[in-house]
Amino acid sequence: MPEINTTFRRPKSLITLMKVLSLCLFLITAYSSDAQRYNLSIFNNTNGLPGNQVNKLFQDSHGQLWIGTMNGITVYDGFKFNNFDKNNPISINPIKTIFEDKQGNVWIGMIRKGICKFNGTTFEFFNTSTGLLSDNVNSITEDKDGNIWIGTSEGLNKYDGKKFQSYTTLRGLVNNDISGLKFDKNGLLWISSIGGISTFNSIDFKNYTTENGLLSNITYDIFEDKLGKIWFSTYLGISVFDGKTFKNYTTSNGLLTDRIEKVIENTEGKKLFASYGGGVGIIDNDSISYLTVDEGLPSNIVKSIIQDYEGNYWIGTWNGLCKYKGDRFVNFTQDDGLINNNILSIASDSLGNIWFGTLTGGVSFFDGKSIKTLGGESGLKSSTIWSIYISKNQEYWFGTTNGPALLDKNFKIHPSSSFLRQFGYI
């Protein structure tokens, strides 16, 4: 039995999910734009987390945050970390993916240890001995009928609540090593793998590879736009499938570089993408235009891009931050108060403040008048910020190279250990 609330309660302040590519995370739970001091509490494997390398974050329907690490899983309920009994496999084994089904069951995919179903009270484990194709589980999703689909390193499983059904290359799958699963608006299952893309309509597979027009058989992201087109990110460029054919964007037909860092869709349906060496690309129907240093960008190496509530684009480059709207560029560098010119991540909050993470410079925010910085002197254990997410409840998440940190509402520095003990984290 785990050391966790079996009757879930919604915390007073909801935790919002962020997909993190960095090794570790830290939490900031409050903010004031005119604050000059910050209260940070550091979370790592010495005071709550089972491990510092975080593979997956997932928020369940009750607002609790599930944190999957290379050393097991923990659940943060808004007040404290809840760890499972050490005899439970999910408390000690590497966690790859986490998913909640429509019934509220949480499914936990592990590396080399199969999958676990937790209904809030009891655990049920599945592995190759019970019908799973592989004990390496990479992706989990659910169809409209409540069936659970599991992508493993050896093929695809469907679980109907009683038994597993298996799908491999022998049944028509393009490749058995599955990296991602996504149901589109029409209920068609898209399956990404290291050998191409498959779709499954519950009867037949249809496969797409480079022979069918896909840019690369190794795909790592699937995105469906407002019109239902499916966008695939590969290391050779972008492939877009309209239901019949692929349209590819590469250096041979418009891209300035094949290395695409991030793609967003704006309110007008245009696709904007951050590229490494090509600035910001804009795809509008069949035309591609660019914003580069020639137009006013501080650098053509762009790592991140967002659109704020007022329609401004904030662009993070390796030579400073850029605000763009219409044909006007406003650039911010270290000369303007920016702590570091290498911008890795950007996010905007509902108050209109723009937050940006830097390479070796910590976190800064712009309140419309001046730039303020949250750096190592405030308690950050890493000054390299790879990712930022801000929830609707003004909860600030940053992905860094070292464990989590907490910013409280008092904006007064506290020793980490005493603060954690005061609020029940340790």
Protein backbone atom coordinates (compact mmCIF):
# COMPACT_ATOMS: atom_id res chain seq x y z
CA MET A 1 0.00 0.00 0.00
CA PRO A 2 1.50 3.38 -0.91
CA GLU A 3 2.17 6.24 1.45
CA ILE A 4 -0.31 8.45 -0.43
CA ASN A 5 -3.86 9.72 -0.07
CA THR A 6 -6.08 7.04 -1.57
CA THR A 7 -9.00 9.46 -1.64
CA PHE A 8 -7.72 12.20 -3.89
CA ARG A 9 -8.52 15.78 -2.96
CA ARG A 10 -8.14 18.86 -5.10
CA PRO A 11 -5.38 21.04 -3.64
CA LYS A 12 -6.04 24.68 -2.90
CA SER A 13 -3.69 25.66 -5.67
CA LEU A 14 -3.78 23.40 -8.73
CA ILE A 15 -0.54 22.18 -10.19
CA THR A 16 -0.36 22.41 -13.99
CA LEU A 17 1.35 19.89 -16.20
CA MET A 18 4.47 20.69 -18.14
CA LYS A 19 6.33 18.37 -20.47
CA VAL A 20 10.01 18.68 -19.48
CA LEU A 21 13.01 17.79 -21.59
CA SER A 22 15.56 18.93 -19.04
CA LEU A 23 17.00 16.72 -16.38
CA CYS A 24 15.32 18.32 -13.35
CA LEU A 25 12.65 20.83 -12.37
CA PHE A 26 11.98 23.44 -9.79
CA LEU A 27 8.68 24.93 -8.68
CA ILE A 28 7.71 28.57 -8.19
CA THR A 29 4.24 29.00 -6.71
CA ALA A 30 3.83 32.75 -6.44
CA TYR A 31 4.77 35.94 -8.18
CA SER A 32 4.65 39.72 -7.85
CA SER A 33 5.99 41.88 -10.66
CA ASP A 34 7.41 44.51 -8.32
CA ALA A 35 9.03 42.08 -5.91
CA GLN A 36 12.77 42.41 -5.51
CA ARG A 37 13.39 39.41 -3.26
CA TYR A 38 12.50 35.78 -3.80
CA ASN A 39 11.99 32.84 -1.50
CA LEU A 40 13.28 29.65 -3.10
CA SER A 41 13.18 26.17 -1.65
CA ILE A 42 15.10 23.46 -3.44
CA PHE A 43 13.59 20.04 -4.11
CA ASN A 44 15.82 17.09 -4.94
CA ASN A 45 16.43 13.52 -3.87
CA THR A 46 17.47 14.65 -0.37
CA ASN A 47 14.08 16.10 0.55
CA GLY A 48 11.26 14.40 -1.29
CA LEU A 49 12.01 13.45 -4.87
CA PRO A 50 13.04 9.84 -5.51
CA GLY A 51 15.55 11.06 -8.11
CA ASN A 52 16.79 14.27 -9.69
CA GLN A 53 16.44 13.17 -13.32
CA VAL A 54 12.79 13.84 -14.16
CA ASN A 55 11.47 12.00 -17.24
CA LYS A 56 7.77 12.82 -17.03
CA LEU A 57 5.37 15.22 -15.35
CA PHE A 58 1.64 14.55 -15.34
CA GLN A 59 -1.26 16.34 -13.66
CA ASP A 60 -4.22 14.14 -12.84
CA SER A 61 -7.88 15.24 -12.82
CA HIS A 62 -7.65 16.00 -9.08
CA GLY A 63 -4.83 18.49 -9.57
CA GLN A 64 -2.10 16.27 -8.16
CA LEU A 65 1.23 16.27 -9.93
CA TRP A 66 2.84 12.92 -10.70
CA ILE A 67 6.60 13.12 -11.13
CA GLY A 68 8.32 10.22 -12.87
CA THR A 69 12.08 9.97 -12.42
CA MET A 70 14.82 7.51 -13.23
CA ASN A 71 14.49 6.30 -9.63
CA GLY A 72 10.73 5.90 -9.30
CA ILE A 73 7.65 8.07 -8.96
CA THR A 74 6.24 10.52 -6.42
CA VAL A 75 3.02 12.52 -6.20
CA TYR A 76 2.89 16.18 -5.18
CA ASP A 77 -0.54 17.21 -3.82
CA GLY A 78 0.14 20.92 -3.55
CA PHE A 79 1.51 20.64 -0.02
CA LYS A 80 3.94 17.74 0.15
CA PHE A 81 5.51 14.90 -1.79
CA ASN A 82 3.85 11.51 -1.30
CA ASN A 83 6.12 8.55 -1.97
CA PHE A 84 5.12 4.94 -2.48
CA ASP A 85 6.27 2.02 -0.42
CA LYS A 86 9.80 1.00 -1.41
CA ASN A 87 8.63 -2.54 -2.10
CA ASN A 88 6.41 -1.20 -4.88
CA PRO A 89 8.12 -1.44 -8.31
CA ILE A 90 7.03 2.07 -9.29
CA SER A 91 8.94 3.52 -6.32
CA ILE A 92 12.38 2.32 -7.45
CA ASN A 93 12.30 1.73 -11.22
CA PRO A 94 12.74 4.23 -14.09
CA ILE A 95 9.45 5.84 -15.18
CA LYS A 96 8.96 6.62 -18.87
CA THR A 97 5.33 7.75 -19.22
CA ILE A 98 2.19 8.51 -17.15
CA PHE A 99 -1.44 8.63 -18.31
CA GLU A 100 -4.89 8.95 -16.70
CA ASP A 101 -7.88 7.27 -18.31
CA LYS A 102 -11.51 8.44 -18.32
CA GLN A 103 -12.27 6.40 -15.19
CA GLY A 104 -9.55 8.16 -13.21
CA ASN A 105 -7.10 5.25 -13.24
CA VAL A 106 -3.46 6.30 -13.51
CA TRP A 107 -1.29 4.18 -15.81
CA ILE A 108 2.46 4.24 -15.27
CA GLY A 109 4.82 2.97 -17.96
CA MET A 110 8.23 1.82 -16.79
CA ILE A 111 11.54 0.96 -18.37
CA ARG A 112 12.16 -2.79 -18.22
CA LYS A 113 9.33 -3.34 -15.70
CA GLY A 114 6.11 -3.10 -17.72
CA ILE A 115 3.09 -1.04 -16.80
CA CYS A 116 1.16 -0.32 -13.60
CA LYS A 117 -2.52 0.61 -13.19
CA PHE A 118 -3.44 2.51 -10.01
CA ASN A 119 -7.13 3.08 -9.24
CA GLY A 120 -6.52 5.25 -6.18
CA THR A 121 -6.45 2.33 -3.78
CA THR A 122 -4.88 -0.74 -5.36
CA PHE A 123 -2.20 -1.52 -7.91
CA GLU A 124 -2.31 -3.89 -10.86
CA PHE A 125 0.85 -4.75 -12.77
CA PHE A 126 1.22 -6.00 -16.32
CA ASN A 127 4.31 -7.29 -18.09
CA THR A 128 5.29 -9.77 -20.78
CA SER A 129 4.05 -12.66 -18.66
CA THR A 130 0.51 -11.21 -18.68
CA GLY A 131 0.39 -10.31 -22.37
CA LEU A 132 2.40 -7.13 -22.80
CA LEU A 133 4.67 -7.22 -25.84
CA SER A 134 7.60 -5.65 -24.01
CA ASP A 135 8.43 -4.45 -20.52
CA ASN A 136 9.72 -1.19 -22.04
CA VAL A 137 6.65 1.08 -22.24
CA ASN A 138 7.08 4.35 -24.17
CA SER A 139 3.57 5.75 -24.67
CA ILE A 140 0.00 5.27 -23.39
CA THR A 141 -3.33 6.63 -24.63
CA GLU A 142 -7.06 5.78 -24.63
CA ASP A 143 -9.67 5.52 -27.37
CA LYS A 144 -13.29 6.70 -27.25
CA ASP A 145 -14.45 3.27 -26.10
CA GLY A 146 -12.15 3.20 -23.08
CA ASN A 147 -9.57 0.79 -24.47
CA ILE A 148 -6.00 1.48 -23.37
CA TRP A 149 -3.34 1.57 -26.09
CA ILE A 150 0.26 0.98 -25.13
CA GLY A 151 3.30 1.67 -27.29
CA THR A 152 6.32 -0.44 -26.41
CA SER A 153 9.75 -1.15 -27.86
CA GLU A 154 8.40 -4.38 -29.35
CA GLY A 155 5.05 -3.30 -30.75
CA LEU A 156 1.56 -2.01 -29.92
CA ASN A 157 -0.84 -3.41 -27.31
CA LYS A 158 -4.57 -2.80 -26.86
CA TYR A 159 -6.05 -3.57 -23.44
CA ASP A 160 -9.83 -3.88 -23.13
CA GLY A 161 -9.86 -4.34 -19.37
CA LYS A 162 -9.60 -8.12 -19.55
CA LYS A 163 -6.95 -9.11 -22.06
CA PHE A 164 -4.24 -7.74 -24.30
CA GLN A 165 -4.32 -7.71 -28.06
CA SER A 166 -0.99 -7.36 -29.84
CA TYR A 167 -0.02 -5.58 -33.04
CA THR A 168 3.42 -5.84 -34.58
CA THR A 169 4.99 -5.68 -38.01
CA LEU A 170 3.46 -9.12 -38.59
CA ARG A 171 0.02 -7.47 -38.36
CA GLY A 172 1.01 -4.48 -40.50
CA LEU A 173 2.74 -2.03 -38.14
CA VAL A 174 5.56 -0.19 -39.89
CA ASN A 175 8.02 -0.69 -37.04
CA ASN A 176 7.83 -2.25 -33.59
CA ASP A 177 9.82 0.40 -31.70
CA ILE A 178 7.06 2.94 -30.97
CA SER A 179 7.88 6.45 -29.78
CA GLY A 180 4.44 8.10 -29.62
CA LEU A 181 0.66 7.61 -29.90
CA LYS A 182 -1.99 10.20 -30.76
CA PHE A 183 -5.70 9.98 -31.69
CA ASP A 184 -6.76 12.72 -34.08
CA LYS A 185 -10.10 14.53 -34.16
CA ASN A 186 -11.64 11.71 -36.21
CA GLY A 187 -10.51 8.95 -33.85
CA LEU A 188 -7.70 7.69 -36.09
CA LEU A 189 -4.68 6.47 -34.16
CA TRP A 190 -1.33 7.87 -35.30
CA ILE A 191 1.74 5.91 -34.29
CA SER A 192 5.26 7.31 -34.54
CA SER A 193 8.27 5.02 -34.51
CA ILE A 194 11.90 4.83 -35.53
CA GLY A 195 10.80 3.29 -38.83
CA GLY A 196 8.09 5.67 -39.99
CA ILE A 197 4.46 6.51 -39.23
CA SER A 198 1.47 4.15 -38.98
CA THR A 199 -2.23 4.87 -38.68
CA PHE A 200 -4.76 2.40 -37.36
CA ASN A 201 -8.53 2.59 -37.83
CA SER A 202 -9.26 -0.40 -35.54
CA ILE A 203 -9.17 -2.73 -38.54
CA ASP A 204 -6.24 -1.96 -40.79
CA PHE A 205 -2.85 -0.31 -40.57
CA LYS A 206 -1.67 2.20 -43.11
CA ASN A 207 2.02 3.03 -43.15
CA TYR A 208 3.93 6.08 -44.24
CA THR A 209 7.67 6.15 -44.79
CA THR A 210 10.11 8.04 -46.94
CA GLU A 211 8.81 5.97 -49.86
CA ASN A 212 5.39 7.61 -49.36
CA GLY A 213 6.76 11.12 -49.00
CA LEU A 214 7.68 11.34 -45.30
CA LEU A 215 10.91 13.28 -44.90
CA SER A 216 12.49 10.86 -42.46
CA ASN A 217 11.47 7.53 -40.98
CA ILE A 218 12.64 8.73 -37.57
CA THR A 219 9.89 11.01 -36.27
CA TYR A 220 9.76 12.57 -32.83
CA ASP A 221 6.69 14.81 -32.68
CA ILE A 222 3.10 14.75 -33.97
CA PHE A 223 0.97 17.90 -34.09
CA GLU A 224 -2.57 18.35 -35.42
CA ASP A 225 -3.48 21.87 -36.51
CA LYS A 226 -6.88 23.57 -36.48
CA LEU A 227 -7.68 22.28 -39.98
CA GLY A 228 -6.89 18.68 -39.06
CA LYS A 229 -3.57 18.52 -40.89
CA ILE A 230 -0.91 16.42 -39.19
CA TRP A 231 2.54 17.95 -38.79
CA PHE A 232 5.61 15.80 -38.20
CA SER A 233 8.91 17.12 -36.93
CA THR A 234 11.98 15.26 -38.10
CA TYR A 235 15.66 16.07 -38.08
CA LEU A 236 15.47 16.65 -41.85
CA GLY A 237 12.71 19.27 -41.76
CA ILE A 238 8.91 19.32 -41.50
CA SER A 239 6.36 16.96 -43.07
CA VAL A 240 2.68 17.90 -43.26
CA PHE A 241 -0.02 15.37 -44.13
CA ASP A 242 -3.37 16.65 -45.42
CA GLY A 243 -5.09 13.27 -45.46
CA LYS A 244 -3.88 12.34 -48.92
CA THR A 245 -0.34 13.52 -49.53
CA PHE A 246 2.66 14.89 -47.73
CA LYS A 247 3.97 18.38 -48.17
CA ASN A 248 7.55 18.67 -47.02
CA TYR A 249 9.51 21.70 -45.99
CA THR A 250 13.28 21.42 -46.35
CA THR A 251 16.20 23.57 -47.39
CA SER A 252 15.53 22.56 -50.98
CA ASN A 253 12.12 24.25 -51.10
CA GLY A 254 12.10 27.13 -48.69
CA LEU A 255 13.59 26.31 -45.30
CA LEU A 256 16.78 28.15 -44.46
CA THR A 257 17.79 25.25 -42.23
CA ASP A 258 16.43 21.74 -41.61
CA ARG A 259 16.93 21.99 -37.84
CA ILE A 260 13.56 23.09 -36.44
CA GLU A 261 13.41 23.82 -32.72
CA LYS A 262 9.73 24.64 -32.14
CA VAL A 263 6.51 25.09 -34.13
CA ILE A 264 3.47 27.10 -33.00
CA GLU A 265 0.16 28.05 -34.61
CA ASN A 266 -1.05 31.59 -34.20
CA THR A 267 -4.61 32.84 -33.95
CA GLU A 268 -4.74 33.36 -37.74
CA GLY A 269 -3.75 29.77 -38.46
CA LYS A 270 -0.24 30.63 -39.60
CA LYS A 271 2.56 28.34 -38.48
CA LEU A 272 5.65 29.92 -37.01
CA PHE A 273 8.76 27.94 -36.28
CA ALA A 274 12.01 28.63 -34.50
CA SER A 275 15.02 27.37 -36.40
CA TYR A 276 18.69 26.92 -35.67
CA GLY A 277 20.40 29.28 -38.08
CA GLY A 278 17.40 30.40 -40.11
CA GLY A 279 15.67 32.78 -37.74
CA VAL A 280 11.87 32.56 -37.48
CA GLY A 281 9.97 30.95 -40.33
CA ILE A 282 6.34 31.75 -41.13
CA ILE A 283 4.26 29.28 -43.15
CA ASP A 284 1.12 30.88 -44.58
CA ASN A 285 -0.66 28.44 -46.89
CA ASP A 286 2.04 27.49 -49.39
CA SER A 287 4.38 30.41 -48.85
CA ILE A 288 7.29 30.67 -46.44
CA SER A 289 8.71 33.93 -45.21
CA TYR A 290 11.38 34.64 -42.65
CA LEU A 291 12.34 37.03 -39.95
CA THR A 292 16.14 37.12 -39.74
CA VAL A 293 18.89 39.48 -38.69
CA ASP A 294 18.30 41.31 -41.96
CA GLU A 295 14.80 42.26 -40.76
CA GLY A 296 15.83 43.05 -37.20
CA LEU A 297 16.31 39.81 -35.24
CA PRO A 298 19.33 39.90 -32.93
CA SER A 299 20.39 36.42 -34.11
CA ASN A 300 19.33 33.73 -36.59
CA ILE A 301 19.78 31.04 -33.93
CA VAL A 302 16.29 30.93 -32.40
CA LYS A 303 15.45 28.49 -29.62
CA SER A 304 11.94 29.55 -28.61
CA ILE A 305 8.96 31.62 -29.68
CA ILE A 306 5.57 32.48 -28.15
CA GLN A 307 2.65 34.80 -28.89
CA ASP A 308 1.39 36.80 -25.90
CA TYR A 309 -2.13 37.93 -25.03
CA GLU A 310 -1.74 41.15 -27.01
CA GLY A 311 -0.54 39.43 -30.16
CA ASN A 312 3.15 40.27 -29.74
CA TYR A 313 5.71 37.62 -30.61
CA TRP A 314 8.55 37.08 -28.16
CA ILE A 315 11.54 35.41 -29.73
CA GLY A 316 14.44 33.94 -27.79
CA THR A 317 17.75 33.91 -29.64
CA TRP A 318 21.39 33.30 -28.84
CA ASN A 319 22.05 37.01 -28.96
CA GLY A 320 19.22 38.40 -26.89
CA LEU A 321 15.45 38.67 -26.68
CA CYS A 322 13.21 40.13 -29.38
CA LYS A 323 9.67 41.52 -29.23
CA TYR A 324 7.99 41.62 -32.63
CA LYS A 325 4.63 42.87 -33.86
CA GLY A 326 3.73 43.97 -37.36
CA ASP A 327 7.01 45.22 -38.79
CA ARG A 328 8.53 46.52 -35.56
CA PHE A 329 11.35 44.82 -33.69
CA VAL A 330 12.35 45.70 -30.15
CA ASN A 331 15.48 43.88 -29.02
CA PHE A 332 16.75 43.38 -25.48
CA THR A 333 20.33 42.43 -24.67
CA GLN A 334 22.64 42.59 -21.67
CA ASP A 335 23.00 46.31 -22.30
CA ASP A 336 19.27 46.65 -21.48
CA GLY A 337 19.47 44.66 -18.28
CA LEU A 338 19.20 41.13 -19.69
CA ILE A 339 21.34 38.85 -17.56
CA ASN A 340 22.44 36.71 -20.51
CA ASN A 341 22.00 37.02 -24.27
CA ASN A 342 21.49 33.29 -24.88
CA ILE A 343 17.71 32.79 -24.51
CA LEU A 344 16.59 29.15 -24.27
CA SER A 345 12.92 29.45 -23.24
CA ILE A 346 10.11 32.02 -23.03
CA ALA A 347 6.65 32.16 -21.44
CA SER A 348 4.07 34.86 -20.71
CA ASP A 349 1.79 35.10 -17.68
CA SER A 350 -1.74 36.47 -17.46
CA LEU A 351 -0.44 39.73 -16.01
CA GLY A 352 1.36 40.46 -19.23
CA ASN A 353 4.85 39.78 -17.90
CA ILE A 354 7.28 37.92 -20.15
CA TRP A 355 9.54 35.35 -18.50
CA PHE A 356 12.62 33.98 -20.18
CA GLY A 357 15.22 31.40 -19.24
CA THR A 358 18.81 31.80 -20.28
CA LEU A 359 21.99 29.82 -20.72
CA THR A 360 23.99 30.32 -17.48
CA GLY A 361 22.08 33.52 -16.60
CA GLY A 362 19.05 32.25 -14.66
CA VAL A 363 15.49 33.54 -15.15
CA SER A 364 14.46 37.09 -15.99
CA PHE A 365 11.09 38.73 -16.52
CA PHE A 366 10.01 41.90 -18.30
CA ASP A 367 7.06 43.80 -16.81
CA GLY A 368 6.73 46.26 -19.68
CA LYS A 369 9.12 48.75 -18.12
CA SER A 370 12.21 46.99 -16.86
CA ILE A 371 13.89 43.60 -16.64
CA LYS A 372 14.26 41.84 -13.30
CA THR A 373 16.32 38.70 -12.74
CA LEU A 374 16.05 35.62 -10.58
CA GLY A 375 19.56 34.21 -10.37
CA GLY A 376 21.81 32.05 -8.26
CA GLU A 377 21.96 34.61 -5.46
CA SER A 378 18.25 33.94 -4.83
CA GLY A 379 18.76 30.22 -4.32
CA LEU A 380 18.71 28.74 -7.80
CA LYS A 381 20.96 25.70 -7.99
CA SER A 382 21.32 26.03 -11.77
CA SER A 383 21.46 29.14 -13.92
CA THR A 384 20.61 27.33 -17.17
CA ILE A 385 16.85 27.30 -17.79
CA TRP A 386 15.75 24.99 -20.59
CA SER A 387 11.97 25.30 -20.33
CA ILE A 388 9.25 27.45 -18.74
CA TYR A 389 5.53 26.86 -18.24
CA ILE A 390 3.09 29.13 -16.41
CA SER A 391 -0.33 27.80 -15.41
CA LYS A 392 -3.62 29.67 -15.43
CA ASN A 393 -3.26 29.85 -11.64
CA GLN A 394 0.03 31.73 -11.98
CA GLU A 395 2.19 28.76 -11.02
CA TYR A 396 5.66 28.97 -12.53
CA TRP A 397 7.56 25.91 -13.67
CA PHE A 398 11.14 26.01 -14.93
CA GLY A 399 13.22 23.15 -16.28
CA THR A 400 16.88 23.39 -15.23
CA THR A 401 19.82 21.08 -14.89
CA ASN A 402 19.38 20.76 -11.10
CA GLY A 403 16.36 19.94 -8.85
CA PRO A 404 13.17 21.95 -8.07
CA ALA A 405 12.86 25.21 -6.13
CA LEU A 406 9.90 26.90 -4.47
CA LEU A 407 9.13 30.65 -4.49
CA ASP A 408 6.61 31.50 -1.75
CA LYS A 409 4.28 34.48 -1.34
CA ASN A 410 6.38 36.28 1.26
CA PHE A 411 9.31 37.07 -1.03
CA LYS A 412 11.69 36.59 1.88
CA ILE A 413 14.67 34.26 1.69
CA HIS A 414 14.36 31.18 3.94
CA PRO A 415 16.83 28.32 4.37
CA SER A 416 15.58 25.47 2.20
CA SER A 417 15.51 22.83 4.91
CA SER A 418 13.57 24.89 7.45
CA PHE A 419 11.07 26.09 4.87
CA LEU A 420 10.43 22.55 3.63
CA ARG A 421 10.01 21.27 7.15
CA GLN A 422 7.65 24.13 8.05
CA PHE A 423 5.28 23.32 5.21
CA GLY A 424 5.55 19.54 5.51
CA TYR A 425 7.69 18.78 2.49
CA ILE A 426 10.18 16.86 4.61
